[in-house]
N, C-alpha and C. Protein backbone atom coordinates (compact mmCIF):
# COMPACT_ATOMS: atom_id res chain seq x y z
N MET A 1 8.35 9.89 13.31
CA MET A 1 7.06 9.78 12.58
C MET A 1 6.02 10.80 13.65
N ALA A 2 6.03 10.47 14.81
CA ALA A 2 5.61 11.70 15.61
C ALA A 2 5.36 12.90 15.45
N ALA A 3 6.19 13.87 14.93
CA ALA A 3 6.58 14.67 14.64
C ALA A 3 5.78 15.87 13.31
N VAL A 4 5.36 14.16 12.38
CA VAL A 4 4.88 14.85 11.34
C VAL A 4 3.29 13.77 10.71
N ILE A 5 3.10 12.97 11.43
CA ILE A 5 1.93 12.44 11.39
C ILE A 5 0.45 13.22 11.20
N HIS A 6 0.65 14.53 11.82
CA HIS A 6 -0.73 14.96 11.27
C HIS A 6 -0.41 15.59 10.14
N GLU A 7 0.53 16.32 9.24
CA GLU A 7 1.30 16.00 8.24
C GLU A 7 0.72 14.85 7.17
N ILE A 8 0.95 14.14 7.41
CA ILE A 8 1.17 12.45 6.81
C ILE A 8 -0.50 12.78 6.23
N LEU A 9 -1.25 12.60 7.60
CA LEU A 9 -2.56 12.11 7.62
C LEU A 9 -3.35 13.59 6.92
N GLN A 10 -3.00 14.66 6.44
CA GLN A 10 -3.21 15.34 5.57
C GLN A 10 -3.56 15.58 4.34
N MET A 11 -2.71 13.97 3.54
CA MET A 11 -2.56 14.00 2.20
C MET A 11 -3.08 12.67 1.92
N ASN A 12 -3.54 12.63 1.10
CA ASN A 12 -5.14 11.87 0.19
C ASN A 12 -4.51 10.34 0.38
N ILE A 13 -4.37 10.31 1.64
CA ILE A 13 -4.32 8.97 2.27
C ILE A 13 -4.80 7.66 3.46
N GLN A 14 -5.07 6.91 3.07
CA GLN A 14 -5.65 6.34 4.64
C GLN A 14 -4.68 4.78 4.78
N MET A 15 -4.61 5.73 6.29
CA MET A 15 -3.36 4.36 6.57
C MET A 15 -3.56 3.46 7.98
N VAL A 16 -3.12 2.40 7.69
CA VAL A 16 -3.26 1.24 8.91
C VAL A 16 -2.27 1.07 9.83
N VAL A 17 -2.25 1.05 10.67
CA VAL A 17 -1.12 0.29 11.74
C VAL A 17 -1.42 -0.54 12.37
N LEU A 18 -0.82 -1.36 12.18
CA LEU A 18 -0.59 -3.76 13.28
C LEU A 18 0.64 -3.21 13.73
N GLY A 19 0.64 -3.41 15.13
CA GLY A 19 1.71 -3.93 15.41
C GLY A 19 1.62 -3.57 16.99
N THR A 20 2.97 -3.78 17.73
CA THR A 20 3.32 -3.59 19.04
C THR A 20 4.83 -2.94 18.97
N GLY A 21 4.79 -2.23 20.05
CA GLY A 21 5.78 -1.60 20.59
C GLY A 21 5.73 -1.15 21.80
N ASP A 22 6.91 0.26 21.87
CA ASP A 22 6.92 0.71 23.06
C ASP A 22 5.38 1.46 23.19
N ALA A 23 5.27 1.73 24.48
CA ALA A 23 3.89 2.42 24.93
C ALA A 23 3.74 3.32 24.59
N GLN A 24 4.00 4.68 24.30
CA GLN A 24 4.19 5.83 24.01
C GLN A 24 4.17 5.89 23.03
N TYR A 25 4.44 4.95 22.14
CA TYR A 25 3.94 4.71 20.96
C TYR A 25 2.49 4.49 20.02
N GLU A 26 2.50 3.50 21.10
CA GLU A 26 0.70 2.74 20.95
C GLU A 26 0.30 3.35 21.12
N ASN A 27 0.00 4.86 22.24
CA ASN A 27 -0.99 5.45 23.22
C ASN A 27 -1.19 6.99 21.79
N MET A 28 0.17 6.80 21.70
CA MET A 28 0.26 8.32 20.52
C MET A 28 -0.72 8.14 19.33
N LEU A 29 -0.01 6.86 18.43
CA LEU A 29 -1.05 6.33 17.69
C LEU A 29 -2.23 5.97 17.65
N ARG A 30 -2.93 5.60 18.87
CA ARG A 30 -4.01 5.03 18.94
C ARG A 30 -4.94 6.65 19.46
N GLU A 31 -4.42 7.97 19.80
CA GLU A 31 -4.73 9.14 20.03
C GLU A 31 -4.92 9.83 18.57
N VAL A 32 -4.19 9.35 17.44
CA VAL A 32 -3.47 10.22 16.29
C VAL A 32 -5.46 9.43 15.35
N ALA A 33 -5.54 7.98 15.76
CA ALA A 33 -6.31 7.32 15.22
C ALA A 33 -7.74 7.66 15.69
N TYR A 34 -7.85 7.59 16.85
CA TYR A 34 -9.06 8.80 17.21
C TYR A 34 -9.28 9.98 16.94
N THR A 35 -8.65 10.76 16.41
CA THR A 35 -8.39 12.41 16.00
C THR A 35 -8.65 11.66 14.16
N TYR A 36 -8.53 11.11 13.81
CA TYR A 36 -8.51 11.26 12.47
C TYR A 36 -9.55 9.32 11.83
N PRO A 37 -9.84 9.51 12.39
CA PRO A 37 -11.36 8.65 12.62
C PRO A 37 -11.47 7.51 10.88
N ASP A 38 -11.76 8.85 9.61
CA ASP A 38 -11.77 8.69 8.21
C ASP A 38 -10.01 7.96 8.15
N LYS A 39 -9.43 8.58 8.42
CA LYS A 39 -8.34 8.45 8.38
C LYS A 39 -6.74 7.57 8.18
N MET A 40 -7.01 7.06 9.56
CA MET A 40 -6.18 5.87 10.10
C MET A 40 -6.77 5.20 11.21
N ILE A 41 -6.93 3.87 11.44
CA ILE A 41 -7.00 2.99 12.65
C ILE A 41 -5.21 2.06 12.89
N THR A 42 -5.31 1.85 13.92
CA THR A 42 -4.52 1.63 14.65
C THR A 42 -4.39 0.18 15.80
N ILE A 43 -3.98 -0.36 15.72
CA ILE A 43 -4.76 -1.92 15.88
C ILE A 43 -3.59 -2.58 16.63
N ILE A 44 -3.38 -2.36 17.92
CA ILE A 44 -1.94 -2.27 18.96
C ILE A 44 -1.96 -4.44 18.86
N ASP A 45 -1.53 -4.93 18.15
CA ASP A 45 -1.65 -6.67 18.07
C ASP A 45 -1.04 -6.67 17.35
N PHE A 46 -0.58 -8.27 16.92
CA PHE A 46 0.19 -8.36 15.61
C PHE A 46 -0.68 -9.55 15.29
N ASN A 47 -1.64 -10.44 14.18
CA ASN A 47 -1.97 -11.12 13.56
C ASN A 47 -1.69 -11.22 12.21
N GLU A 48 -0.95 -12.28 12.30
CA GLU A 48 -0.28 -13.12 10.69
C GLU A 48 -1.34 -12.64 9.98
N ASP A 49 -2.79 -13.63 9.75
CA ASP A 49 -3.61 -13.19 9.13
C ASP A 49 -3.93 -12.17 8.29
N LEU A 50 -3.94 -11.25 9.66
CA LEU A 50 -4.52 -9.60 8.84
C LEU A 50 -3.27 -9.15 8.42
N SER A 51 -2.42 -9.27 8.68
CA SER A 51 -0.87 -8.57 8.28
C SER A 51 -0.80 -8.87 6.95
N ARG A 52 -1.26 -10.50 6.35
CA ARG A 52 -1.28 -10.68 5.17
C ARG A 52 -2.52 -10.15 3.90
N LYS A 53 -3.54 -9.75 4.65
CA LYS A 53 -4.75 -8.91 4.06
C LYS A 53 -4.40 -7.58 4.02
N ILE A 54 -3.29 -7.26 4.74
CA ILE A 54 -3.37 -5.85 4.61
C ILE A 54 -2.46 -5.25 3.64
N TYR A 55 -1.27 -6.26 3.68
CA TYR A 55 -0.58 -6.08 3.02
C TYR A 55 -1.11 -6.54 1.22
N ALA A 56 -1.77 -7.54 1.08
CA ALA A 56 -2.34 -7.60 0.02
C ALA A 56 -3.39 -6.48 -0.59
N ALA A 57 -4.43 -5.68 0.60
CA ALA A 57 -4.99 -4.46 0.32
C ALA A 57 -4.12 -3.55 0.04
N SER A 58 -3.06 -3.43 0.63
CA SER A 58 -2.50 -1.38 0.51
C SER A 58 -1.31 -1.57 -0.67
N ASP A 59 -1.25 0.38 -0.91
CA ASP A 59 -0.38 0.61 -2.23
C ASP A 59 0.45 0.53 -1.80
N MET A 60 1.16 1.20 -0.40
CA MET A 60 2.11 1.14 -0.24
C MET A 60 2.32 0.35 1.34
N PHE A 61 3.83 0.37 2.05
CA PHE A 61 4.43 0.07 3.27
C PHE A 61 5.19 0.88 3.68
N LEU A 62 4.56 1.70 4.88
CA LEU A 62 6.13 2.78 5.09
C LEU A 62 6.52 1.68 6.34
N MET A 63 8.24 1.48 6.90
CA MET A 63 9.06 1.25 7.55
C MET A 63 9.54 2.31 7.92
N PRO A 64 10.01 2.94 8.86
CA PRO A 64 10.65 4.03 9.18
C PRO A 64 11.96 3.42 10.11
N SER A 65 11.98 1.99 10.50
CA SER A 65 13.23 1.53 10.97
C SER A 65 14.33 2.42 11.35
N LYS A 66 14.15 2.48 13.02
CA LYS A 66 15.76 3.16 13.30
C LYS A 66 17.19 2.00 13.37
N PHE A 67 16.34 1.26 13.61
CA PHE A 67 17.29 -0.60 13.47
C PHE A 67 16.61 -1.72 12.40
N GLU A 68 17.17 -2.37 11.72
CA GLU A 68 16.73 -3.27 11.30
C GLU A 68 17.41 -4.52 10.62
N PRO A 69 17.93 -4.90 11.68
CA PRO A 69 19.01 -6.41 11.41
C PRO A 69 19.10 -7.32 9.31
N CYS A 70 17.43 -7.35 9.54
CA CYS A 70 17.04 -8.30 8.77
C CYS A 70 15.88 -7.92 7.62
N GLY A 71 15.29 -7.62 8.60
CA GLY A 71 13.45 -7.11 7.73
C GLY A 71 12.94 -7.63 6.41
N LEU A 72 12.07 -8.67 7.26
CA LEU A 72 11.03 -9.27 6.46
C LEU A 72 10.14 -8.60 5.64
N SER A 73 9.89 -7.85 6.34
CA SER A 73 8.06 -7.00 6.62
C SER A 73 7.86 -6.64 4.83
N GLN A 74 9.03 -5.96 4.40
CA GLN A 74 9.34 -5.10 3.17
C GLN A 74 9.21 -5.83 2.30
N MET A 75 10.18 -7.62 2.10
CA MET A 75 10.10 -8.32 1.38
C MET A 75 8.51 -8.54 1.28
N ILE A 76 7.72 -9.25 2.27
CA ILE A 76 6.51 -9.61 2.05
C ILE A 76 5.91 -8.64 1.49
N ALA A 77 5.43 -7.38 1.74
CA ALA A 77 4.73 -6.56 0.95
C ALA A 77 4.95 -6.65 -0.60
N MET A 78 6.31 -6.62 -0.46
CA MET A 78 6.56 -6.61 -1.97
C MET A 78 5.98 -7.60 -2.78
N ARG A 79 5.85 -9.39 -2.12
CA ARG A 79 5.74 -10.22 -3.24
C ARG A 79 3.81 -9.70 -3.08
N TYR A 80 2.97 -8.89 -2.79
CA TYR A 80 1.63 -8.45 -2.81
C TYR A 80 1.79 -7.02 -4.00
N GLY A 81 3.21 -7.27 -4.46
CA GLY A 81 3.23 -5.58 -5.15
C GLY A 81 3.31 -4.36 -4.34
N THR A 82 2.91 -4.03 -3.11
CA THR A 82 3.03 -3.27 -2.66
C THR A 82 4.34 -2.29 -2.49
N VAL A 83 4.55 -1.03 -2.08
CA VAL A 83 5.30 -0.70 -2.47
C VAL A 83 6.07 -0.25 -1.29
N PRO A 84 6.91 -0.45 -1.31
CA PRO A 84 7.96 -0.07 0.32
C PRO A 84 8.10 1.46 0.56
N VAL A 85 7.74 2.31 1.56
CA VAL A 85 8.53 3.42 1.94
C VAL A 85 9.39 2.78 2.67
N VAL A 86 10.75 2.91 3.13
CA VAL A 86 11.73 2.93 3.98
C VAL A 86 13.08 3.18 4.50
N ARG A 87 13.23 3.20 5.54
CA ARG A 87 14.82 4.06 5.91
C ARG A 87 15.52 2.97 5.83
N GLU A 88 16.64 3.58 5.20
CA GLU A 88 17.93 3.11 4.64
C GLU A 88 18.88 2.42 5.33
N THR A 89 18.61 1.29 6.06
CA THR A 89 19.11 0.65 7.72
C THR A 89 19.02 -1.04 7.06
N GLY A 90 20.09 -1.50 7.47
CA GLY A 90 20.24 -2.63 7.72
C GLY A 90 19.46 -3.60 6.18
N GLY A 91 18.80 -4.25 6.96
CA GLY A 91 18.06 -5.79 5.43
C GLY A 91 17.43 -4.38 4.07
N LEU A 92 16.67 -3.62 5.13
CA LEU A 92 16.24 -2.38 4.40
C LEU A 92 16.63 -1.76 3.47
N LYS A 93 18.05 -1.58 3.82
CA LYS A 93 18.86 -0.87 2.46
C LYS A 93 18.96 -2.10 1.57
N ASP A 94 19.21 -3.33 2.49
CA ASP A 94 19.81 -4.66 0.97
C ASP A 94 18.35 -4.87 -0.11
N THR A 95 17.56 -4.78 0.51
CA THR A 95 16.10 -5.02 -0.54
C THR A 95 15.78 -3.96 -1.17
N VAL A 96 15.33 -2.96 -0.63
CA VAL A 96 14.75 -1.86 -1.10
C VAL A 96 15.19 -1.07 -1.67
N HIS A 97 15.71 -0.41 -3.36
CA HIS A 97 16.51 0.32 -4.20
C HIS A 97 15.13 1.23 -4.34
N TYR A 98 15.77 1.98 -4.52
CA TYR A 98 15.18 3.42 -4.66
C TYR A 98 14.62 3.26 -6.57
N PHE A 99 13.67 3.72 -6.42
CA PHE A 99 12.65 4.09 -7.91
C PHE A 99 13.59 4.72 -8.80
N ASP A 100 14.15 5.08 -9.58
CA ASP A 100 14.33 5.56 -10.71
C ASP A 100 13.25 5.87 -11.71
N GLU A 101 12.49 7.27 -11.84
CA GLU A 101 11.45 7.79 -12.63
C GLU A 101 11.78 7.47 -14.26
N GLU A 102 13.74 7.57 -15.05
CA GLU A 102 14.04 7.95 -15.71
C GLU A 102 14.55 6.42 -16.40
N THR A 103 15.14 5.66 -15.94
CA THR A 103 15.80 3.90 -15.78
C THR A 103 14.50 3.06 -15.38
N LYS A 104 13.31 3.54 -15.17
CA LYS A 104 12.28 2.45 -14.29
C LYS A 104 12.99 1.40 -13.64
N GLU A 105 14.19 0.97 -13.09
CA GLU A 105 14.59 0.22 -12.08
C GLU A 105 14.44 0.83 -10.56
N GLY A 106 14.57 -0.18 -9.88
CA GLY A 106 14.05 0.27 -8.48
C GLY A 106 13.21 -0.26 -8.39
N ASN A 107 12.39 -0.51 -6.85
CA ASN A 107 11.77 -1.40 -6.72
C ASN A 107 10.77 -1.08 -4.85
N GLY A 108 11.80 0.53 -4.73
CA GLY A 108 10.63 1.05 -3.17
C GLY A 108 11.30 2.36 -3.34
N PHE A 109 11.20 2.54 -2.48
CA PHE A 109 11.61 4.33 -1.87
C PHE A 109 12.25 4.32 -0.42
N SER A 110 13.16 5.34 -0.53
CA SER A 110 13.86 5.40 0.90
C SER A 110 14.06 6.54 1.16
N PHE A 111 14.85 6.32 2.42
CA PHE A 111 15.81 8.10 3.04
C PHE A 111 16.15 7.49 3.52
N ALA A 112 17.65 8.15 3.94
CA ALA A 112 19.01 7.95 4.38
C ALA A 112 18.88 8.09 6.19
N THR A 113 18.52 8.79 6.46
CA THR A 113 18.42 9.58 7.50
C THR A 113 17.55 9.35 8.57
N TYR A 114 17.70 9.18 9.77
CA TYR A 114 16.40 8.96 10.64
C TYR A 114 15.02 10.17 11.29
N ASN A 115 15.51 10.94 10.29
CA ASN A 115 14.77 12.13 10.52
C ASN A 115 13.34 11.97 10.21
N ALA A 116 11.86 12.85 10.86
CA ALA A 116 10.93 12.49 10.41
C ALA A 116 10.39 13.41 8.89
N HIS A 117 10.34 14.46 8.49
CA HIS A 117 11.12 15.33 7.95
C HIS A 117 11.19 14.80 6.51
N ASP A 118 12.41 14.06 6.58
CA ASP A 118 12.72 13.05 5.17
C ASP A 118 12.06 12.01 5.35
N MET A 119 11.27 10.80 6.18
CA MET A 119 10.49 10.30 6.08
C MET A 119 8.91 10.97 5.21
N LEU A 120 8.99 11.87 5.56
CA LEU A 120 7.63 12.83 5.11
C LEU A 120 7.40 13.29 3.42
N PHE A 121 9.06 13.95 3.36
CA PHE A 121 9.28 14.02 1.82
C PHE A 121 9.01 12.50 1.19
N THR A 122 9.85 11.49 1.22
CA THR A 122 10.35 10.60 0.43
C THR A 122 8.59 10.06 0.52
N LEU A 123 7.70 10.39 0.98
CA LEU A 123 6.10 9.77 1.48
C LEU A 123 5.33 10.66 0.58
N GLN A 124 5.90 11.60 0.70
CA GLN A 124 5.00 12.46 -0.69
C GLN A 124 5.44 12.12 -1.56
N ARG A 125 6.78 12.09 -1.81
CA ARG A 125 6.96 11.76 -3.40
C ARG A 125 6.49 10.37 -3.92
N ALA A 126 6.31 9.55 -3.25
CA ALA A 126 5.78 8.03 -3.33
C ALA A 126 4.46 8.14 -3.58
N VAL A 127 3.75 8.88 -2.45
CA VAL A 127 2.28 9.33 -2.93
C VAL A 127 2.01 9.92 -4.46
N GLY A 128 2.64 11.24 -4.55
CA GLY A 128 3.17 12.07 -5.75
C GLY A 128 2.69 11.16 -7.31
N LEU A 129 4.04 10.58 -6.64
CA LEU A 129 3.98 9.30 -8.44
C LEU A 129 3.19 8.68 -8.66
N TYR A 130 2.27 7.65 -7.06
CA TYR A 130 1.19 7.12 -7.43
C TYR A 130 -0.19 8.16 -7.99
N TYR A 131 -0.25 9.00 -7.37
CA TYR A 131 -1.59 9.84 -7.98
C TYR A 131 -1.50 10.59 -9.59
N ASP A 132 -0.12 10.88 -9.70
CA ASP A 132 0.41 11.51 -10.78
C ASP A 132 0.80 10.67 -12.09
N GLU A 133 1.42 9.98 -12.12
CA GLU A 133 2.06 8.82 -12.80
C GLU A 133 0.92 7.39 -12.65
N PRO A 134 0.56 6.61 -12.98
CA PRO A 134 -0.27 5.88 -12.60
C PRO A 134 0.48 4.51 -13.29
N GLU A 135 1.26 5.18 -14.67
CA GLU A 135 1.76 3.99 -15.17
C GLU A 135 3.40 3.48 -14.73
N LEU A 136 3.88 4.77 -14.43
CA LEU A 136 5.14 4.85 -13.87
C LEU A 136 4.70 3.46 -11.81
N TRP A 137 3.87 4.19 -11.67
CA TRP A 137 3.18 3.34 -10.60
C TRP A 137 3.13 1.74 -11.29
N LYS A 138 2.64 1.50 -11.62
CA LYS A 138 2.44 0.52 -12.42
C LYS A 138 3.73 -0.75 -12.48
N THR A 139 4.80 0.30 -13.14
CA THR A 139 6.16 -0.58 -13.67
C THR A 139 6.51 -0.53 -11.93
N LEU A 140 6.12 0.40 -10.98
CA LEU A 140 7.17 0.04 -9.65
C LEU A 140 5.86 -1.20 -9.01
N MET A 141 5.37 -1.26 -9.27
CA MET A 141 4.53 -2.30 -8.63
C MET A 141 5.11 -3.77 -9.14
N THR A 142 5.31 -4.04 -10.25
CA THR A 142 5.68 -4.91 -10.95
C THR A 142 7.23 -5.31 -10.73
N ASN A 143 8.05 -3.73 -10.38
CA ASN A 143 9.43 -4.58 -9.96
C ASN A 143 9.26 -5.07 -8.03
N ALA A 144 8.33 -4.56 -7.94
CA ALA A 144 8.59 -4.86 -6.53
C ALA A 144 7.92 -6.22 -6.34
N SER A 145 7.23 -6.28 -6.99
CA SER A 145 6.88 -7.65 -6.73
C SER A 145 7.64 -8.96 -6.91
N LYS A 146 8.28 -8.42 -8.69
CA LYS A 146 8.98 -9.38 -9.16
C LYS A 146 10.61 -9.61 -8.07
N SER A 147 10.75 -8.47 -7.24
CA SER A 147 11.72 -9.04 -6.68
C SER A 147 12.15 -10.10 -6.10
N ASN A 148 13.78 -10.40 -5.75
CA ASN A 148 14.01 -12.03 -6.05
C ASN A 148 14.46 -11.98 -4.50
N PHE A 149 14.21 -12.68 -3.61
CA PHE A 149 14.73 -12.53 -2.95
C PHE A 149 15.11 -14.47 -1.97
N ASP A 150 15.64 -15.04 -3.07
CA ASP A 150 16.00 -15.84 -3.19
C ASP A 150 17.10 -16.82 -2.50
N TRP A 151 17.04 -17.58 -1.58
CA TRP A 151 18.23 -17.98 -0.67
C TRP A 151 19.46 -19.18 -1.51
N LYS A 152 19.21 -18.71 -2.71
CA LYS A 152 20.19 -18.96 -3.55
C LYS A 152 20.57 -18.28 -4.31
N ILE A 153 20.32 -17.09 -4.52
CA ILE A 153 20.89 -15.98 -4.70
C ILE A 153 22.08 -15.76 -3.89
N SER A 154 21.43 -15.57 -2.75
CA SER A 154 22.34 -15.35 -1.32
C SER A 154 23.32 -16.58 -1.13
N ALA A 155 23.13 -17.53 -1.43
CA ALA A 155 24.06 -18.95 -0.86
C ALA A 155 25.18 -18.66 -2.10
N GLU A 156 25.02 -18.77 -3.52
CA GLU A 156 26.02 -18.36 -4.38
C GLU A 156 26.70 -17.36 -4.18
N THR A 157 25.89 -15.84 -4.00
CA THR A 157 26.96 -15.34 -3.68
C THR A 157 27.37 -15.08 -2.30
N TYR A 158 27.47 -15.32 -1.30
CA TYR A 158 28.23 -15.88 0.26
C TYR A 158 29.54 -16.78 -0.22
N LEU A 159 28.83 -17.70 -1.53
CA LEU A 159 29.69 -19.05 -2.18
C LEU A 159 31.42 -17.95 -2.62
N TYR A 160 31.28 -17.17 -3.63
CA TYR A 160 31.65 -16.46 -4.21
C TYR A 160 32.45 -15.49 -3.60
N TYR A 161 32.16 -14.66 -2.49
CA TYR A 161 32.73 -13.90 -1.80
C TYR A 161 34.25 -15.07 -0.95
N TYR A 162 33.55 -15.94 -0.29
CA TYR A 162 33.71 -17.29 0.48
C TYR A 162 35.51 -17.60 -0.18
N LYS A 163 35.52 -17.56 -1.57
CA LYS A 163 36.25 -18.37 -2.30
C LYS A 163 37.15 -17.37 -2.67
N LYS A 164 36.72 -16.37 -3.04
CA LYS A 164 37.71 -15.19 -3.16
C LYS A 164 38.32 -14.96 -2.08
N VAL A 165 37.93 -14.80 -0.81
CA VAL A 165 38.75 -14.18 -0.11
C VAL A 165 40.06 -15.63 0.72
N THR A 166 39.01 -16.84 0.20
CA THR A 166 40.51 -17.63 0.13
C THR A 166 41.68 -18.14 -0.63
N GLY A 167 40.80 -17.11 -1.88
CA GLY A 167 41.57 -17.40 -3.17
C GLY A 167 41.78 -18.87 -3.83
N LYS A 168 40.41 -19.63 -3.38
CA LYS A 168 39.89 -20.75 -3.99
C LYS A 168 38.71 -20.43 -5.25
N LEU A 169 39.19 -19.32 -5.87
CA LEU A 169 38.42 -18.84 -7.12
C LEU A 169 38.86 -19.84 -8.16
N SER A 170 37.89 -20.39 -8.88
CA SER A 170 38.11 -21.42 -9.81
C SER A 170 37.66 -20.98 -11.39
């Protein structure tokens, strides 16, 4: 992200960063927020109540994780109708499906490689859809908010494959 943060902030967006991490990234994000006070705010802390307010007030949720075994944040964001833009890894790949403008299927945007420019390109595509295709954006928000991550579905899928592997399918 550091390689393209200035390009990201040249887009017609505002960015809120909430959370903690490696000190070098925290410092970089603080400096960028200081440089772009009208475009970005960085809060190096985690506050559950504040995070929910940010999800609810946001149009997009950027999560360019290098590694993410489960990923709950994107699922919470989608409950609020906030469109995720994620790197395809772990639980992010399992839960965020690339939006197809033709079929109107999918609940977000994703990029495969851990590469800042791929993230930038995907974010530009998302921002472009937001501004250029408001009706498609509404469809995407609806898709995201209706995404179903119910444990019952996971349990039924697990049980199906367990029975298939053990030969106990009826």
